[in-house]
Amino acid sequence: MNASPDITERFKRGDKGAVARAISWAENGDPRFATLIADVYSKVGHAWRIGITGPPGAGKSTLVNEIAKALRTRERTVGILAVDPSSPLSGGALLGDRIRMEERTLDKGIYIRSMASRGSHGGLSRTTVDACDAMDAFGFDEIVVETVGVGQAEYDVVSAADTVVVVLCPGAGDGVQAMKAGLLEVADVLAVNKAELPGADRLIMDLEEAVHIRLAGKSTWMTPVVACSAARGDGIEDLIAAVERHREHLKAHDLDGIRREKRLAQVHRVLDERIAEHLWSGGGFGERARALLDSGRSPYDVVAELFSALLAEHRHQKNGAK
């Protein structure tokens, strides 16, 4: 299905209503999104994508608000994608981030979009990368993606961001959680928010030690630990400076190659979804799997038989095409 020429032209003219429609298409799996993004894909790659993740209560939304404010003083346009937790029953999202960032919505250089995670294990919906691509092609200089923050599944943010900022705060056991969840490996920058609270200095020291032990000799980038207080507006410039240093580091160490690998992972993910949808919805594999299970076969036997059938079908089609 082709995208509406009107929407495409409005998108190219900088109409925010058009980028909103594009993201809705991406969320809903509308084939018009693929047509639209193909038409503007040459513009994708200009924006820098910053992922903000971390445990609930760390103050991510307030921090995003302050980061956007600081970026605007640099005359950078900012697209904000706030991924909220979805209801497991209705699929609806709380979408509270937009309320917390209300003062930013009055700025024409900022666009805020809330998205439901739709049950994704990582707190990121499958369409987050698509939404980032839409905002990138639209022309935003910076894209900030704030995730729900649900433990180990925060790894998913890596697929959408150039720089991942993991936000922690004192008094919540965040340092231990970060080490257990492997967030140190995910983080390009560690931000200790609410740094005015007791225990902040100890958390910073523990994180710096953990970074040194885990990453020394394993990476050319040593993750900095930045103290800040979003509620007070303190340390925001230091945090942005750390993100800028990481940006320059990647530019000096094959940024194009890193992004290419992420695109390859995106193709892999989307292709897997398409194949699974085809096989289970249109290929009759669901019925065949049920019949085989009902006959007493083990799940692995069922997988082996279905896989053999899939290969046989592929060979038949390949030979028929010759």
Protein backbone atom coordinates (compact mmCIF):
# COMPACT_ATOMS: atom_id res chain seq x y z
CA MET A 1 0.00 0.00 0.00
CA ASN A 2 1.37 3.40 -0.99
CA ALA A 3 1.66 6.23 1.51
CA SER A 4 -0.65 9.16 0.96
CA PRO A 5 1.12 11.68 -1.32
CA ASP A 6 -0.33 14.41 0.87
CA ILE A 7 1.24 12.95 4.02
CA THR A 8 4.58 12.47 2.26
CA GLU A 9 4.66 16.05 1.02
CA ARG A 10 3.60 17.41 4.42
CA PHE A 11 6.35 15.30 6.00
CA LYS A 12 8.95 16.76 3.66
CA ARG A 13 7.68 20.29 4.36
CA GLY A 14 8.19 19.82 8.11
CA ASP A 15 4.58 19.38 9.20
CA LYS A 16 4.65 17.75 12.65
CA GLY A 17 1.19 16.30 12.02
CA ALA A 18 2.75 14.23 9.24
CA VAL A 19 5.49 12.79 11.43
CA ALA A 20 2.83 11.98 14.02
CA ARG A 21 0.86 10.10 11.38
CA ALA A 22 4.00 8.26 10.26
CA ILE A 23 4.73 7.07 13.79
CA SER A 24 1.13 5.93 14.19
CA TRP A 25 1.50 3.91 10.99
CA ALA A 26 4.67 2.35 12.40
CA GLU A 27 2.95 1.50 15.70
CA ASN A 28 0.00 -0.11 13.95
CA GLY A 29 2.06 -2.06 11.41
CA ASP A 30 0.50 -0.09 8.57
CA PRO A 31 2.33 -0.88 5.28
CA ARG A 32 2.15 2.80 4.36
CA PHE A 33 4.97 3.45 6.84
CA ALA A 34 7.38 1.30 4.82
CA THR A 35 6.50 3.25 1.67
CA LEU A 36 6.94 6.60 3.40
CA ILE A 37 10.25 5.78 5.07
CA ALA A 38 11.63 4.39 1.80
CA ASP A 39 10.85 7.73 0.17
CA VAL A 40 12.72 9.75 2.81
CA TYR A 41 15.32 7.22 3.93
CA SER A 42 18.20 9.15 2.40
CA LYS A 43 17.74 11.68 5.21
CA VAL A 44 18.03 9.09 7.98
CA GLY A 45 21.34 9.17 9.86
CA HIS A 46 21.65 12.88 10.60
CA ALA A 47 20.24 12.80 14.14
CA TRP A 48 22.09 11.63 17.22
CA ARG A 49 20.00 9.14 19.21
CA ILE A 50 20.31 9.21 22.99
CA GLY A 51 18.75 6.40 25.00
CA ILE A 52 17.76 7.22 28.58
CA THR A 53 17.07 4.12 30.65
CA GLY A 54 17.22 2.92 34.22
CA PRO A 55 15.07 1.65 37.08
CA PRO A 56 11.67 3.21 37.84
CA GLY A 57 11.89 6.18 40.18
CA ALA A 58 15.35 7.23 39.04
CA GLY A 59 13.97 10.51 37.68
CA LYS A 60 14.38 9.77 33.97
CA SER A 61 11.51 11.96 32.76
CA THR A 62 12.70 14.99 34.72
CA LEU A 63 16.20 14.39 33.41
CA VAL A 64 14.97 14.15 29.80
CA ASN A 65 13.12 17.43 30.30
CA GLU A 66 16.30 19.15 31.47
CA ILE A 67 18.42 17.60 28.70
CA ALA A 68 15.97 18.85 26.08
CA LYS A 69 16.03 22.31 27.64
CA ALA A 70 19.83 22.40 27.55
CA LEU A 71 20.00 21.15 23.96
CA ARG A 72 17.60 23.89 22.88
CA THR A 73 20.00 26.53 24.25
CA ARG A 74 22.42 25.13 21.67
CA GLU A 75 19.76 25.69 19.00
CA ARG A 76 19.41 21.94 18.48
CA THR A 77 15.98 20.60 17.57
CA VAL A 78 14.89 17.67 19.71
CA GLY A 79 12.53 14.76 19.17
CA ILE A 80 11.54 12.94 22.36
CA LEU A 81 10.15 9.42 22.33
CA ALA A 82 8.78 8.38 25.73
CA VAL A 83 8.00 4.67 25.89
CA ASP A 84 5.45 4.00 28.63
CA PRO A 85 4.38 0.68 30.13
CA SER A 86 1.32 -0.85 28.50
CA SER A 87 -1.64 -2.45 30.19
CA PRO A 88 -1.37 -6.23 29.69
CA LEU A 89 -5.15 -6.30 29.13
CA SER A 90 -5.96 -3.27 27.00
CA GLY A 91 -2.54 -2.47 25.59
CA GLY A 92 -3.06 1.12 26.69
CA ALA A 93 -0.22 3.15 28.15
CA LEU A 94 -0.02 5.54 31.06
CA LEU A 95 1.65 8.18 28.90
CA GLY A 96 2.55 10.27 31.92
CA ASP A 97 5.84 11.52 30.53
CA ARG A 98 4.10 13.96 28.24
CA ILE A 99 2.42 15.56 31.24
CA ARG A 100 5.72 15.86 33.11
CA MET A 101 7.33 17.53 30.06
CA GLU A 102 4.43 19.91 29.45
CA GLU A 103 6.59 23.05 29.44
CA ARG A 104 8.68 21.63 26.57
CA THR A 105 5.60 21.10 24.39
CA LEU A 106 5.32 24.87 23.88
CA ASP A 107 8.72 24.93 22.16
CA LYS A 108 8.41 24.58 18.38
CA GLY A 109 11.90 23.06 18.26
CA ILE A 110 10.77 20.07 20.34
CA TYR A 111 8.44 17.22 19.43
CA ILE A 112 7.28 14.77 22.11
CA ARG A 113 5.69 11.45 21.31
CA SER A 114 4.55 8.86 23.83
CA MET A 115 4.48 5.22 22.78
CA ALA A 116 3.14 2.15 24.51
CA SER A 117 5.62 -0.67 25.06
CA ARG A 118 2.84 -3.09 24.05
CA GLY A 119 4.13 -5.89 26.23
CA SER A 120 7.65 -5.83 24.81
CA HIS A 121 9.99 -7.53 27.27
CA GLY A 122 12.47 -4.70 26.95
CA GLY A 123 10.04 -1.88 27.65
CA LEU A 124 10.62 -0.82 24.07
CA SER A 125 8.01 -1.56 21.45
CA ARG A 126 9.11 -3.21 18.21
CA THR A 127 8.45 0.06 16.42
CA THR A 128 10.78 2.27 18.45
CA VAL A 129 13.49 2.15 15.79
CA ASP A 130 10.89 2.99 13.13
CA ALA A 131 9.71 5.99 15.15
CA CYS A 132 13.31 7.15 15.56
CA ASP A 133 13.84 6.79 11.81
CA ALA A 134 10.75 8.91 11.15
CA MET A 135 11.93 11.69 13.48
CA ASP A 136 15.44 11.43 12.05
CA ALA A 137 14.23 11.79 8.47
CA PHE A 138 11.96 14.62 9.58
CA GLY A 139 15.06 16.60 10.49
CA PHE A 140 15.48 16.62 14.26
CA ASP A 141 19.09 17.11 15.36
CA GLU A 142 18.76 15.05 18.53
CA ILE A 143 16.41 12.19 19.37
CA VAL A 144 15.98 11.24 23.01
CA VAL A 145 14.39 7.86 23.75
CA GLU A 146 13.22 7.32 27.32
CA THR A 147 12.41 3.72 28.20
CA VAL A 148 10.24 2.25 30.91
CA GLY A 149 13.12 0.76 32.84
CA VAL A 150 12.37 -2.87 33.69
CA GLY A 151 15.65 -4.45 34.75
CA GLN A 152 17.68 -6.67 32.45
CA ALA A 153 15.43 -6.02 29.48
CA GLU A 154 16.79 -2.48 29.28
CA TYR A 155 19.33 -4.00 26.88
CA ASP A 156 16.74 -3.38 24.17
CA VAL A 157 17.47 0.34 24.21
CA VAL A 158 20.83 -0.34 22.57
CA SER A 159 19.09 -1.16 19.30
CA ALA A 160 17.60 2.32 19.12
CA ALA A 161 20.37 4.56 20.46
CA ASP A 162 23.84 5.78 19.55
CA THR A 163 24.57 6.75 23.16
CA VAL A 164 22.92 4.93 26.07
CA VAL A 165 22.63 6.82 29.36
CA VAL A 166 21.74 4.61 32.33
CA VAL A 167 20.19 6.67 35.12
CA LEU A 168 20.52 5.51 38.73
CA CYS A 169 19.82 7.17 42.06
CA PRO A 170 21.04 6.66 45.64
CA GLY A 171 19.03 4.88 48.28
CA ALA A 172 17.31 2.39 45.99
CA GLY A 173 19.95 -0.31 45.67
CA ASP A 174 20.52 0.84 42.10
CA GLY A 175 24.25 0.18 42.14
CA VAL A 176 23.75 -3.48 42.99
CA GLN A 177 20.89 -3.73 40.48
CA ALA A 178 23.05 -2.23 37.75
CA MET A 179 25.83 -4.71 38.39
CA LYS A 180 23.48 -7.70 38.54
CA ALA A 181 21.56 -6.71 35.44
CA GLY A 182 24.70 -6.10 33.39
CA LEU A 183 23.73 -2.49 32.81
CA LEU A 184 27.36 -1.44 33.09
CA GLU A 185 28.02 -3.15 29.77
CA VAL A 186 25.03 -1.40 28.20
CA ALA A 187 25.80 2.07 29.55
CA ASP A 188 27.88 4.48 27.52
CA VAL A 189 27.31 7.05 30.27
CA LEU A 190 26.20 6.43 33.86
CA ALA A 191 24.18 9.24 35.44
CA VAL A 192 23.68 9.32 39.20
CA ASN A 193 20.56 11.47 39.52
CA LYS A 194 19.34 13.02 42.79
CA ALA A 195 22.99 13.43 43.70
CA GLU A 196 22.07 15.71 46.62
CA LEU A 197 20.63 12.72 48.51
CA PRO A 198 22.61 10.76 51.12
CA GLY A 199 24.52 7.86 49.67
CA ALA A 200 25.16 9.50 46.29
CA ASP A 201 28.92 9.80 46.82
CA ARG A 202 29.16 6.14 47.79
CA LEU A 203 27.09 5.07 44.77
CA ILE A 204 29.34 7.09 42.46
CA MET A 205 32.47 5.52 43.96
CA ASP A 206 31.01 2.01 43.68
CA LEU A 207 30.03 2.56 40.04
CA GLU A 208 33.41 4.01 39.11
CA GLU A 209 35.12 1.02 40.70
CA ALA A 210 32.78 -1.42 38.98
CA VAL A 211 33.35 0.26 35.61
CA HIS A 212 37.10 0.05 36.09
CA ILE A 213 37.01 -3.63 37.05
CA ARG A 214 34.55 -4.72 34.36
CA LEU A 215 35.59 -2.62 31.40
CA ALA A 216 39.31 -1.96 31.81
CA GLY A 217 41.10 -3.40 28.80
CA LYS A 218 37.87 -4.57 27.19
CA SER A 219 36.83 -1.35 25.50
CA THR A 220 38.37 1.79 24.08
CA TRP A 221 35.62 3.76 25.82
CA MET A 222 35.64 3.98 29.63
CA THR A 223 32.09 4.73 30.80
CA PRO A 224 32.03 8.00 32.78
CA VAL A 225 29.94 8.38 35.94
CA VAL A 226 28.24 11.77 36.08
CA ALA A 227 26.56 13.24 39.17
CA CYS A 228 23.46 15.32 38.51
CA SER A 229 20.20 16.51 40.00
CA ALA A 230 17.52 16.96 37.36
CA ALA A 231 15.08 18.52 39.83
CA ARG A 232 17.62 21.24 40.63
CA GLY A 233 19.05 21.51 37.13
CA ASP A 234 22.51 20.59 38.40
CA GLY A 235 25.03 18.58 36.42
CA ILE A 236 23.04 18.64 33.18
CA GLU A 237 25.84 20.35 31.25
CA ASP A 238 28.30 17.74 32.55
CA LEU A 239 25.98 14.98 31.38
CA ILE A 240 25.59 16.46 27.90
CA ALA A 241 29.37 16.94 27.72
CA ALA A 242 29.81 13.22 28.46
CA VAL A 243 27.35 12.36 25.68
CA GLU A 244 29.27 14.66 23.32
CA ARG A 245 32.55 12.96 24.20
CA HIS A 246 30.99 9.59 23.43
CA ARG A 247 29.71 10.94 20.12
CA GLU A 248 33.21 12.06 19.14
CA HIS A 249 34.61 8.72 20.29
CA LEU A 250 32.24 6.77 18.02
CA LYS A 251 32.96 9.06 15.09
CA ALA A 252 36.63 8.24 15.53
CA HIS A 253 35.95 4.50 15.86
CA ASP A 254 33.83 3.47 12.85
CA LEU A 255 30.43 5.00 13.62
CA ASP A 256 29.17 3.92 10.19
CA GLY A 257 30.14 0.31 10.89
CA ILE A 258 28.46 0.35 14.31
CA ARG A 259 25.26 1.74 12.85
CA ARG A 260 25.41 -0.77 9.99
CA GLU A 261 25.49 -3.66 12.47
CA LYS A 262 22.46 -2.23 14.25
CA ARG A 263 20.64 -1.96 10.91
CA LEU A 264 21.52 -5.57 10.18
CA ALA A 265 20.05 -6.55 13.56
CA GLN A 266 16.92 -4.57 12.67
CA VAL A 267 16.58 -6.42 9.34
CA HIS A 268 17.09 -9.73 11.15
CA ARG A 269 14.42 -8.88 13.72
CA VAL A 270 11.84 -7.67 11.21
CA LEU A 271 12.50 -10.59 8.86
CA ASP A 272 12.05 -13.05 11.73
CA GLU A 273 8.72 -11.42 12.56
CA ARG A 274 7.54 -11.53 8.95
CA ILE A 275 8.52 -15.18 8.52
CA ALA A 276 6.87 -16.18 11.79
CA GLU A 277 3.70 -14.29 10.89
CA HIS A 278 3.59 -15.93 7.47
CA LEU A 279 4.19 -19.45 8.76
CA TRP A 280 1.81 -19.33 11.69
CA SER A 281 -0.93 -17.24 10.13
CA GLY A 282 -0.86 -18.22 6.47
CA GLY A 283 1.37 -21.26 6.29
CA GLY A 284 -0.75 -23.58 8.38
CA PHE A 285 2.09 -24.41 10.76
CA GLY A 286 -0.09 -23.77 13.80
CA GLU A 287 -2.54 -26.51 12.87
CA ARG A 288 0.25 -28.92 11.94
CA ALA A 289 2.04 -28.26 15.22
CA ARG A 290 -1.13 -28.91 17.23
CA ALA A 291 -1.78 -32.17 15.37
CA LEU A 292 1.76 -33.39 15.96
CA LEU A 293 1.65 -32.48 19.65
CA ASP A 294 -1.72 -34.22 20.01
CA SER A 295 -0.14 -37.37 18.57
CA GLY A 296 2.25 -37.47 21.52
CA ARG A 297 5.36 -36.05 19.82
CA SER A 298 7.75 -33.97 21.92
CA PRO A 299 8.09 -30.25 21.16
CA TYR A 300 11.58 -30.80 19.75
CA ASP A 301 10.33 -33.57 17.48
CA VAL A 302 7.61 -31.20 16.28
CA VAL A 303 10.17 -28.46 15.60
CA ALA A 304 12.39 -30.90 13.68
CA GLU A 305 9.51 -32.07 11.48
CA LEU A 306 8.23 -28.56 10.80
CA PHE A 307 11.74 -27.36 9.99
CA SER A 308 12.26 -30.25 7.58
CA ALA A 309 8.94 -29.44 5.94
CA LEU A 310 9.96 -25.80 5.63
CA LEU A 311 13.28 -26.72 3.98
CA ALA A 312 11.55 -29.14 1.62
CA GLU A 313 9.06 -26.43 0.61
CA HIS A 314 11.92 -24.00 0.02
CA ARG A 315 13.83 -26.50 -2.17
CA HIS A 316 10.66 -27.22 -4.16
CA GLN A 317 10.08 -23.52 -4.82
CA LYS A 318 13.73 -23.02 -5.70
CA ASN A 319 13.74 -25.90 -8.19
CA GLY A 320 10.46 -24.73 -9.69
CA ALA A 321 11.90 -21.29 -10.31
CA LYS A 322 14.76 -22.68 -12.40
